[in-house]
Amino acid sequence: MKLIRPLQPLAPGVQALNTTRDGGVSRPPWDSLNLGDHVGDDPAAVAENRHRLAQVLGIQTPQWLRQVHGVQVVEAHSDGMVREADACWTRTPGVVCTVMTADCLPVLFAAVDGHCVAAAHAGWRGLLNGVLEATLAVFDAPEQVTAWLGPAIGPAAFEVGAEVRDAFLAVDAGAELAFQPSPGHEGRWLADLYALARRRLLAAGIGSIRGGDACTHDEPEQFFSYRRDGQTGRMASLIWIE
């Protein structure tokens, strides 16, 4: 099973990683380590993939979320209940915060002393409406938090309409730097999710930002991509206190 970990630990005693599409039992077009139970895959295959992930990592049941592109943040538990939210947090060792993505931006957070961690799912709607700021609010001091930007669709592949750009510029004129005209598509724009997230996090006072150098769309052997494939699986980003 292939996993992607931060190059350095986010904080002492904290484990964090992303899965790839490798190492599971799902058949095409969800091949193979699909962890999403809402994308049309065989439920038995998804359950086996999730079981394999927990076994490999030696963890309890992760907190799986029913993500709705909103800004709700909930406390994570290892009770097996699925909670509707787009971010979760914990201060309890062994409880695993988890979000799923296939182009949207996963952001993992850790207090620098390791006492609190969180995971957020940031598509453009959630990013615009403040899911990262809402997640940071569970920490005592944003300047003492490190964030890791996991694999998401890159700025050369994420084409959006003018209404998306206008919505971001309405709340932050400087967000103009995160949009470039789309070649050959008048009125369309290429959006940089990583740049938009960094602007939001820096404005919120976060102390350190890492990652943000992958493109799910352009690496089909490694990542699921909804924009590229339509019907496809979901990867997971996980963080927990040991």
C-alpha atoms as a PDB file:
ATOM      1  CA  MET A   1       0.000   0.000   0.000  1.00  0.00           C
ATOM      2  CA  LYS A   2       1.537   3.293  -1.112  1.00  0.00           C
ATOM      3  CA  LEU A   3       1.176   6.201   1.292  1.00  0.00           C
ATOM      4  CA  ILE A   4       2.374   9.790   1.048  1.00  0.00           C
ATOM      5  CA  ARG A   5       3.670  11.307   4.261  1.00  0.00           C
ATOM      6  CA  PRO A   6       4.769  14.847   5.055  1.00  0.00           C
ATOM      7  CA  LEU A   7       8.516  15.207   4.482  1.00  0.00           C
ATOM      8  CA  GLN A   8       8.892  16.134   8.149  1.00  0.00           C
ATOM      9  CA  PRO A   9       6.574  15.493  11.105  1.00  0.00           C
ATOM     10  CA  LEU A  10       4.093  18.317  11.571  1.00  0.00           C
ATOM     11  CA  ALA A  11       4.605  18.181  15.339  1.00  0.00           C
ATOM     12  CA  PRO A  12       6.122  15.876  17.985  1.00  0.00           C
ATOM     13  CA  GLY A  13       4.049  12.740  18.433  1.00  0.00           C
ATOM     14  CA  VAL A  14       1.825  13.476  15.422  1.00  0.00           C
ATOM     15  CA  GLN A  15       1.384  11.165  12.428  1.00  0.00           C
ATOM     16  CA  ALA A  16      -0.034  12.473   9.144  1.00  0.00           C
ATOM     17  CA  LEU A  17      -0.360  11.114   5.611  1.00  0.00           C
ATOM     18  CA  ASN A  18      -2.310  10.857   2.384  1.00  0.00           C
ATOM     19  CA  THR A  19      -3.228   7.620   0.681  1.00  0.00           C
ATOM     20  CA  THR A  20      -2.818   7.073  -3.052  1.00  0.00           C
ATOM     21  CA  ARG A  21      -4.992   4.948  -5.324  1.00  0.00           C
ATOM     22  CA  ASP A  22      -2.642   1.956  -4.862  1.00  0.00           C
ATOM     23  CA  GLY A  23      -3.073  -1.060  -2.602  1.00  0.00           C
ATOM     24  CA  GLY A  24      -6.789  -1.847  -2.524  1.00  0.00           C
ATOM     25  CA  VAL A  25      -9.302  -4.276  -4.008  1.00  0.00           C
ATOM     26  CA  SER A  26     -11.715  -1.998  -5.898  1.00  0.00           C
ATOM     27  CA  ARG A  27     -12.207  -2.683  -9.602  1.00  0.00           C
ATOM     28  CA  PRO A  28     -12.118  -0.041 -12.362  1.00  0.00           C
ATOM     29  CA  PRO A  29     -13.020   2.793 -12.474  1.00  0.00           C
ATOM     30  CA  TRP A  30     -12.448   2.905  -8.689  1.00  0.00           C
ATOM     31  CA  ASP A  31      -9.182   0.970  -8.796  1.00  0.00           C
ATOM     32  CA  SER A  32      -7.861   0.238  -6.388  1.00  0.00           C
ATOM     33  CA  LEU A  33      -7.686   1.811  -2.900  1.00  0.00           C
ATOM     34  CA  ASN A  34     -10.972   3.677  -3.095  1.00  0.00           C
ATOM     35  CA  LEU A  35     -12.004   4.802   0.383  1.00  0.00           C
ATOM     36  CA  GLY A  36     -15.208   6.603  -0.615  1.00  0.00           C
ATOM     37  CA  ASP A  37     -18.506   4.826   0.076  1.00  0.00           C
ATOM     38  CA  HIS A  38     -20.567   7.366  -1.902  1.00  0.00           C
ATOM     39  CA  VAL A  39     -19.129   7.011  -5.425  1.00  0.00           C
ATOM     40  CA  GLY A  40     -20.874   3.858  -6.721  1.00  0.00           C
ATOM     41  CA  ASP A  41     -18.195   1.340  -5.750  1.00  0.00           C
ATOM     42  CA  ASP A  42     -19.004  -2.085  -4.266  1.00  0.00           C
ATOM     43  CA  PRO A  43     -19.584  -1.450  -0.527  1.00  0.00           C
ATOM     44  CA  ALA A  44     -17.724  -4.660   0.328  1.00  0.00           C
ATOM     45  CA  ALA A  45     -14.668  -3.450  -1.573  1.00  0.00           C
ATOM     46  CA  VAL A  46     -14.743  -0.071   0.194  1.00  0.00           C
ATOM     47  CA  ALA A  47     -15.050  -1.791   3.571  1.00  0.00           C
ATOM     48  CA  GLU A  48     -12.073  -4.027   2.771  1.00  0.00           C
ATOM     49  CA  ASN A  49     -10.018  -1.040   1.624  1.00  0.00           C
ATOM     50  CA  ARG A  50     -10.768   0.827   4.836  1.00  0.00           C
ATOM     51  CA  HIS A  51      -9.944  -2.275   6.869  1.00  0.00           C
ATOM     52  CA  ARG A  52      -6.624  -2.664   5.089  1.00  0.00           C
ATOM     53  CA  LEU A  53      -5.760   0.958   5.711  1.00  0.00           C
ATOM     54  CA  ALA A  54      -6.440   0.682   9.435  1.00  0.00           C
ATOM     55  CA  GLN A  55      -4.429  -2.541   9.667  1.00  0.00           C
ATOM     56  CA  VAL A  56      -1.414  -1.140   7.835  1.00  0.00           C
ATOM     57  CA  LEU A  57      -1.368   1.979   9.990  1.00  0.00           C
ATOM     58  CA  GLY A  58      -2.207   0.197  13.226  1.00  0.00           C
ATOM     59  CA  ILE A  59      -4.991   2.649  14.021  1.00  0.00           C
ATOM     60  CA  GLN A  60      -8.533   2.548  15.340  1.00  0.00           C
ATOM     61  CA  THR A  61     -11.501   3.308  13.100  1.00  0.00           C
ATOM     62  CA  PRO A  62     -10.861   6.740  11.539  1.00  0.00           C
ATOM     63  CA  GLN A  63     -13.476   9.460  11.774  1.00  0.00           C
ATOM     64  CA  TRP A  64     -15.116   9.265   8.350  1.00  0.00           C
ATOM     65  CA  LEU A  65     -17.147  12.292   7.306  1.00  0.00           C
ATOM     66  CA  ARG A  66     -20.125  12.869   5.029  1.00  0.00           C
ATOM     67  CA  GLN A  67     -18.668  15.865   3.228  1.00  0.00           C
ATOM     68  CA  VAL A  68     -21.006  18.480   1.752  1.00  0.00           C
ATOM     69  CA  HIS A  69     -18.634  21.284   0.634  1.00  0.00           C
ATOM     70  CA  GLY A  70     -19.574  23.285   3.711  1.00  0.00           C
ATOM     71  CA  VAL A  71     -17.752  24.759   6.708  1.00  0.00           C
ATOM     72  CA  GLN A  72     -18.993  22.544   9.551  1.00  0.00           C
ATOM     73  CA  VAL A  73     -16.239  21.339  11.909  1.00  0.00           C
ATOM     74  CA  VAL A  74     -16.867  18.467  14.339  1.00  0.00           C
ATOM     75  CA  GLU A  75     -14.876  16.707  17.016  1.00  0.00           C
ATOM     76  CA  ALA A  76     -13.539  13.373  15.769  1.00  0.00           C
ATOM     77  CA  HIS A  77     -14.288  10.078  17.511  1.00  0.00           C
ATOM     78  CA  SER A  78     -13.348   6.441  16.943  1.00  0.00           C
ATOM     79  CA  ASP A  79     -16.903   5.141  17.515  1.00  0.00           C
ATOM     80  CA  GLY A  80     -17.525   4.260  13.854  1.00  0.00           C
ATOM     81  CA  MET A  81     -20.217   6.920  13.392  1.00  0.00           C
ATOM     82  CA  VAL A  82     -20.112   8.951  10.171  1.00  0.00           C
ATOM     83  CA  ARG A  83     -20.613  12.668  10.855  1.00  0.00           C
ATOM     84  CA  GLU A  84     -21.740  15.311   8.363  1.00  0.00           C
ATOM     85  CA  ALA A  85     -19.011  17.936   8.187  1.00  0.00           C
ATOM     86  CA  ASP A  86     -16.071  19.040   6.086  1.00  0.00           C
ATOM     87  CA  ALA A  87     -13.513  19.151   8.874  1.00  0.00           C
ATOM     88  CA  CYS A  88     -12.796  17.418  12.159  1.00  0.00           C
ATOM     89  CA  TRP A  89     -10.405  17.834  15.093  1.00  0.00           C
ATOM     90  CA  THR A  90      -9.226  16.005  18.188  1.00  0.00           C
ATOM     91  CA  ARG A  91      -7.046  16.354  21.253  1.00  0.00           C
ATOM     92  CA  THR A  92      -7.368  12.651  22.068  1.00  0.00           C
ATOM     93  CA  PRO A  93      -4.424  10.360  21.252  1.00  0.00           C
ATOM     94  CA  GLY A  94      -5.317   7.529  18.864  1.00  0.00           C
ATOM     95  CA  VAL A  95      -8.373   9.257  17.352  1.00  0.00           C
ATOM     96  CA  VAL A  96      -7.801   9.721  13.624  1.00  0.00           C
ATOM     97  CA  CYS A  97      -9.079  12.824  11.820  1.00  0.00           C
ATOM     98  CA  THR A  98      -9.842  12.024   8.175  1.00  0.00           C
ATOM     99  CA  VAL A  99     -11.061  13.755   5.022  1.00  0.00           C
ATOM    100  CA  MET A 100     -11.502  12.325   1.511  1.00  0.00           C
ATOM    101  CA  THR A 101     -10.634  14.024  -1.770  1.00  0.00           C
ATOM    102  CA  ALA A 102     -10.265  13.510  -5.521  1.00  0.00           C
ATOM    103  CA  ASP A 103      -9.180  17.027  -6.653  1.00  0.00           C
ATOM    104  CA  CYS A 104     -10.358  19.132  -3.709  1.00  0.00           C
ATOM    105  CA  LEU A 105      -7.671  20.277  -1.304  1.00  0.00           C
ATOM    106  CA  PRO A 106      -7.044  18.304   1.897  1.00  0.00           C
ATOM    107  CA  VAL A 107      -5.442  20.375   4.655  1.00  0.00           C
ATOM    108  CA  LEU A 108      -3.981  18.787   7.786  1.00  0.00           C
ATOM    109  CA  PHE A 109      -3.328  20.899  10.883  1.00  0.00           C
ATOM    110  CA  ALA A 110      -1.261  20.312  14.025  1.00  0.00           C
ATOM    111  CA  ALA A 111      -0.447  22.459  17.028  1.00  0.00           C
ATOM    112  CA  VAL A 112       3.330  22.725  17.201  1.00  0.00           C
ATOM    113  CA  ASP A 113       3.358  21.036  20.612  1.00  0.00           C
ATOM    114  CA  GLY A 114       1.253  18.152  19.272  1.00  0.00           C
ATOM    115  CA  HIS A 115      -1.701  18.557  21.637  1.00  0.00           C
ATOM    116  CA  CYS A 116      -4.344  19.132  18.939  1.00  0.00           C
ATOM    117  CA  VAL A 117      -4.773  18.069  15.294  1.00  0.00           C
ATOM    118  CA  ALA A 118      -7.394  18.579  12.592  1.00  0.00           C
ATOM    119  CA  ALA A 119      -8.221  17.750   8.973  1.00  0.00           C
ATOM    120  CA  ALA A 120     -10.222  19.863   6.511  1.00  0.00           C
ATOM    121  CA  HIS A 121     -11.726  19.232   3.065  1.00  0.00           C
ATOM    122  CA  ALA A 122     -11.438  22.414   1.000  1.00  0.00           C
ATOM    123  CA  GLY A 123     -13.039  22.507  -2.403  1.00  0.00           C
ATOM    124  CA  TRP A 124     -13.402  25.984  -3.840  1.00  0.00           C
ATOM    125  CA  ARG A 125     -16.799  26.486  -2.192  1.00  0.00           C
ATOM    126  CA  GLY A 126     -15.588  25.499   1.250  1.00  0.00           C
ATOM    127  CA  LEU A 127     -12.415  27.495   0.787  1.00  0.00           C
ATOM    128  CA  LEU A 128     -14.397  30.575  -0.231  1.00  0.00           C
ATOM    129  CA  ASN A 129     -16.838  30.253   2.662  1.00  0.00           C
ATOM    130  CA  GLY A 130     -14.189  29.774   5.350  1.00  0.00           C
ATOM    131  CA  VAL A 131     -13.721  26.076   6.144  1.00  0.00           C
ATOM    132  CA  LEU A 132     -10.002  26.599   6.842  1.00  0.00           C
ATOM    133  CA  GLU A 133     -10.654  29.515   9.196  1.00  0.00           C
ATOM    134  CA  ALA A 134     -13.391  27.523  10.938  1.00  0.00           C
ATOM    135  CA  THR A 135     -10.960  24.641  11.456  1.00  0.00           C
ATOM    136  CA  LEU A 136      -8.218  26.905  12.786  1.00  0.00           C
ATOM    137  CA  ALA A 137     -10.708  28.241  15.341  1.00  0.00           C
ATOM    138  CA  VAL A 138     -10.478  24.994  17.341  1.00  0.00           C
ATOM    139  CA  PHE A 139      -6.819  25.746  18.128  1.00  0.00           C
ATOM    140  CA  ASP A 140      -5.694  28.005  20.952  1.00  0.00           C
ATOM    141  CA  ALA A 141      -3.292  30.086  18.854  1.00  0.00           C
ATOM    142  CA  PRO A 142      -3.135  29.995  15.007  1.00  0.00           C
ATOM    143  CA  GLU A 143       0.462  31.223  15.058  1.00  0.00           C
ATOM    144  CA  GLN A 144       1.360  27.998  16.877  1.00  0.00           C
ATOM    145  CA  VAL A 145      -0.189  25.774  14.188  1.00  0.00           C
ATOM    146  CA  THR A 146       1.408  24.061  11.191  1.00  0.00           C
ATOM    147  CA  ALA A 147      -0.664  23.202   8.105  1.00  0.00           C
ATOM    148  CA  TRP A 148       0.098  20.719   5.352  1.00  0.00           C
ATOM    149  CA  LEU A 149      -1.535  21.083   1.927  1.00  0.00           C
ATOM    150  CA  GLY A 150      -2.097  17.621   0.479  1.00  0.00           C
ATOM    151  CA  PRO A 151      -2.529  16.535  -3.153  1.00  0.00           C
ATOM    152  CA  ALA A 152      -5.152  18.556  -5.060  1.00  0.00           C
ATOM    153  CA  ILE A 153      -5.853  19.597  -8.616  1.00  0.00           C
ATOM    154  CA  GLY A 154      -3.050  21.860  -9.794  1.00  0.00           C
ATOM    155  CA  PRO A 155      -3.273  25.403 -11.178  1.00  0.00           C
ATOM    156  CA  ALA A 156      -2.729  24.304 -14.789  1.00  0.00           C
ATOM    157  CA  ALA A 157      -5.726  21.935 -14.718  1.00  0.00           C
ATOM    158  CA  PHE A 158      -8.402  23.627 -12.613  1.00  0.00           C
ATOM    159  CA  GLU A 159     -10.506  25.696 -14.999  1.00  0.00           C
ATOM    160  CA  VAL A 160     -13.380  27.701 -13.513  1.00  0.00           C
ATOM    161  CA  GLY A 161     -15.892  30.264 -14.655  1.00  0.00           C
ATOM    162  CA  ALA A 162     -15.680  33.992 -14.061  1.00  0.00           C
ATOM    163  CA  GLU A 163     -18.270  33.712 -11.293  1.00  0.00           C
ATOM    164  CA  VAL A 164     -15.827  31.695  -9.167  1.00  0.00           C
ATOM    165  CA  ARG A 165     -13.056  34.258  -9.606  1.00  0.00           C
ATOM    166  CA  ASP A 166     -15.466  37.113  -8.923  1.00  0.00           C
ATOM    167  CA  ALA A 167     -16.623  35.461  -5.692  1.00  0.00           C
ATOM    168  CA  PHE A 168     -13.073  35.204  -4.349  1.00  0.00           C
ATOM    169  CA  LEU A 169     -12.150  38.737  -5.412  1.00  0.00           C
ATOM    170  CA  ALA A 170     -15.253  40.085  -3.681  1.00  0.00           C
ATOM    171  CA  VAL A 171     -13.792  39.094  -0.309  1.00  0.00           C
ATOM    172  CA  ASP A 172     -10.070  39.425  -1.127  1.00  0.00           C
ATOM    173  CA  ALA A 173      -8.919  41.610  -4.001  1.00  0.00           C
ATOM    174  CA  GLY A 174      -5.441  40.107  -3.713  1.00  0.00           C
ATOM    175  CA  ALA A 175      -6.828  36.711  -4.725  1.00  0.00           C
ATOM    176  CA  GLU A 176      -6.518  37.969  -8.288  1.00  0.00           C
ATOM    177  CA  LEU A 177      -2.966  36.600  -8.185  1.00  0.00           C
ATOM    178  CA  ALA A 178      -4.353  33.058  -7.906  1.00  0.00           C
ATOM    179  CA  PHE A 179      -6.199  33.225 -11.248  1.00  0.00           C
ATOM    180  CA  GLN A 180      -4.849  33.216 -14.795  1.00  0.00           C
ATOM    181  CA  PRO A 181      -6.839  33.461 -18.050  1.00  0.00           C
ATOM    182  CA  SER A 182      -7.491  30.013 -19.510  1.00  0.00           C
ATOM    183  CA  PRO A 183      -5.741  29.681 -22.899  1.00  0.00           C
ATOM    184  CA  GLY A 184      -8.248  29.328 -25.705  1.00  0.00           C
ATOM    185  CA  HIS A 185     -11.306  29.601 -23.429  1.00  0.00           C
ATOM    186  CA  GLU A 186     -12.445  33.199 -23.288  1.00  0.00           C
ATOM    187  CA  GLY A 187     -14.134  34.091 -20.034  1.00  0.00           C
ATOM    188  CA  ARG A 188     -12.663  31.068 -18.231  1.00  0.00           C
ATOM    189  CA  TRP A 189      -9.899  31.087 -15.630  1.00  0.00           C
ATOM    190  CA  LEU A 190      -7.282  28.717 -14.231  1.00  0.00           C
ATOM    191  CA  ALA A 191      -7.521  28.729 -10.437  1.00  0.00           C
ATOM    192  CA  ASP A 192      -4.703  27.910  -8.035  1.00  0.00           C
ATOM    193  CA  LEU A 193      -6.293  26.226  -5.019  1.00  0.00           C
ATOM    194  CA  TYR A 194      -2.955  26.070  -3.243  1.00  0.00           C
ATOM    195  CA  ALA A 195      -2.392  29.816  -3.595  1.00  0.00           C
ATOM    196  CA  LEU A 196      -5.942  30.591  -2.474  1.00  0.00           C
ATOM    197  CA  ALA A 197      -5.520  28.371   0.594  1.00  0.00           C
ATOM    198  CA  ARG A 198      -2.179  29.922   1.498  1.00  0.00           C
ATOM    199  CA  ARG A 199      -3.698  33.413   1.346  1.00  0.00           C
ATOM    200  CA  ARG A 200      -6.514  32.381   3.688  1.00  0.00           C
ATOM    201  CA  LEU A 201      -4.188  30.635   6.135  1.00  0.00           C
ATOM    202  CA  LEU A 202      -1.662  33.459   6.236  1.00  0.00           C
ATOM    203  CA  ALA A 203      -4.423  36.011   6.781  1.00  0.00           C
ATOM    204  CA  ALA A 204      -5.670  33.889   9.693  1.00  0.00           C
ATOM    205  CA  GLY A 205      -2.235  34.081  11.286  1.00  0.00           C
ATOM    206  CA  ILE A 206      -1.039  30.523  10.845  1.00  0.00           C
ATOM    207  CA  GLY A 207       2.586  29.909  11.756  1.00  0.00           C
ATOM    208  CA  SER A 208       3.764  27.478   9.063  1.00  0.00           C
ATOM    209  CA  ILE A 209       2.467  26.048   5.770  1.00  0.00           C
ATOM    210  CA  ARG A 210       3.971  23.042   4.004  1.00  0.00           C
ATOM    211  CA  GLY A 211       3.121  20.957   0.940  1.00  0.00           C
ATOM    212  CA  GLY A 212       1.057  22.142  -2.004  1.00  0.00           C
ATOM    213  CA  ASP A 213       3.228  20.786  -4.790  1.00  0.00           C
ATOM    214  CA  ALA A 214       1.169  17.968  -6.369  1.00  0.00           C
ATOM    215  CA  CYS A 215      -1.523  17.751  -9.061  1.00  0.00           C
ATOM    216  CA  THR A 216      -4.121  14.998  -8.811  1.00  0.00           C
ATOM    217  CA  HIS A 217      -5.290  15.625 -12.385  1.00  0.00           C
ATOM    218  CA  ASP A 218      -1.879  15.084 -13.950  1.00  0.00           C
ATOM    219  CA  GLU A 219      -0.799  11.956 -12.040  1.00  0.00           C
ATOM    220  CA  PRO A 220      -3.342   9.238 -12.947  1.00  0.00           C
ATOM    221  CA  GLU A 221      -1.187   6.348 -11.741  1.00  0.00           C
ATOM    222  CA  GLN A 222      -1.002   7.829  -8.272  1.00  0.00           C
ATOM    223  CA  PHE A 223      -4.110   9.929  -7.636  1.00  0.00           C
ATOM    224  CA  PHE A 224      -7.849   9.818  -8.192  1.00  0.00           C
ATOM    225  CA  SER A 225      -9.200  12.875 -10.037  1.00  0.00           C
ATOM    226  CA  TYR A 226     -12.881  13.675 -10.448  1.00  0.00           C
ATOM    227  CA  ARG A 227     -12.135  16.423 -12.987  1.00  0.00           C
ATOM    228  CA  ARG A 228     -10.102  13.995 -15.108  1.00  0.00           C
ATOM    229  CA  ASP A 229     -12.180  10.809 -14.840  1.00  0.00           C
ATOM    230  CA  GLY A 230     -15.663  11.649 -13.585  1.00  0.00           C
ATOM    231  CA  GLN A 231     -16.560   8.375 -11.908  1.00  0.00           C
ATOM    232  CA  THR A 232     -13.602   7.540  -9.715  1.00  0.00           C
ATOM    233  CA  GLY A 233     -12.461   6.748  -6.188  1.00  0.00           C
ATOM    234  CA  ARG A 234     -11.463   8.877  -3.232  1.00  0.00           C
ATOM    235  CA  MET A 235      -8.164   9.206  -1.389  1.00  0.00           C
ATOM    236  CA  ALA A 236      -7.895   9.919   2.322  1.00  0.00           C
ATOM    237  CA  SER A 237      -5.817  12.384   4.296  1.00  0.00           C
ATOM    238  CA  LEU A 238      -5.349  11.381   7.914  1.00  0.00           C
ATOM    239  CA  ILE A 239      -3.782  12.912  11.008  1.00  0.00           C
ATOM    240  CA  TRP A 240      -3.648  11.720  14.603  1.00  0.00           C
ATOM    241  CA  ILE A 241      -1.798  12.062  17.888  1.00  0.00           C
ATOM    242  CA  GLU A 242       0.136   8.931  18.768  1.00  0.00           C
END
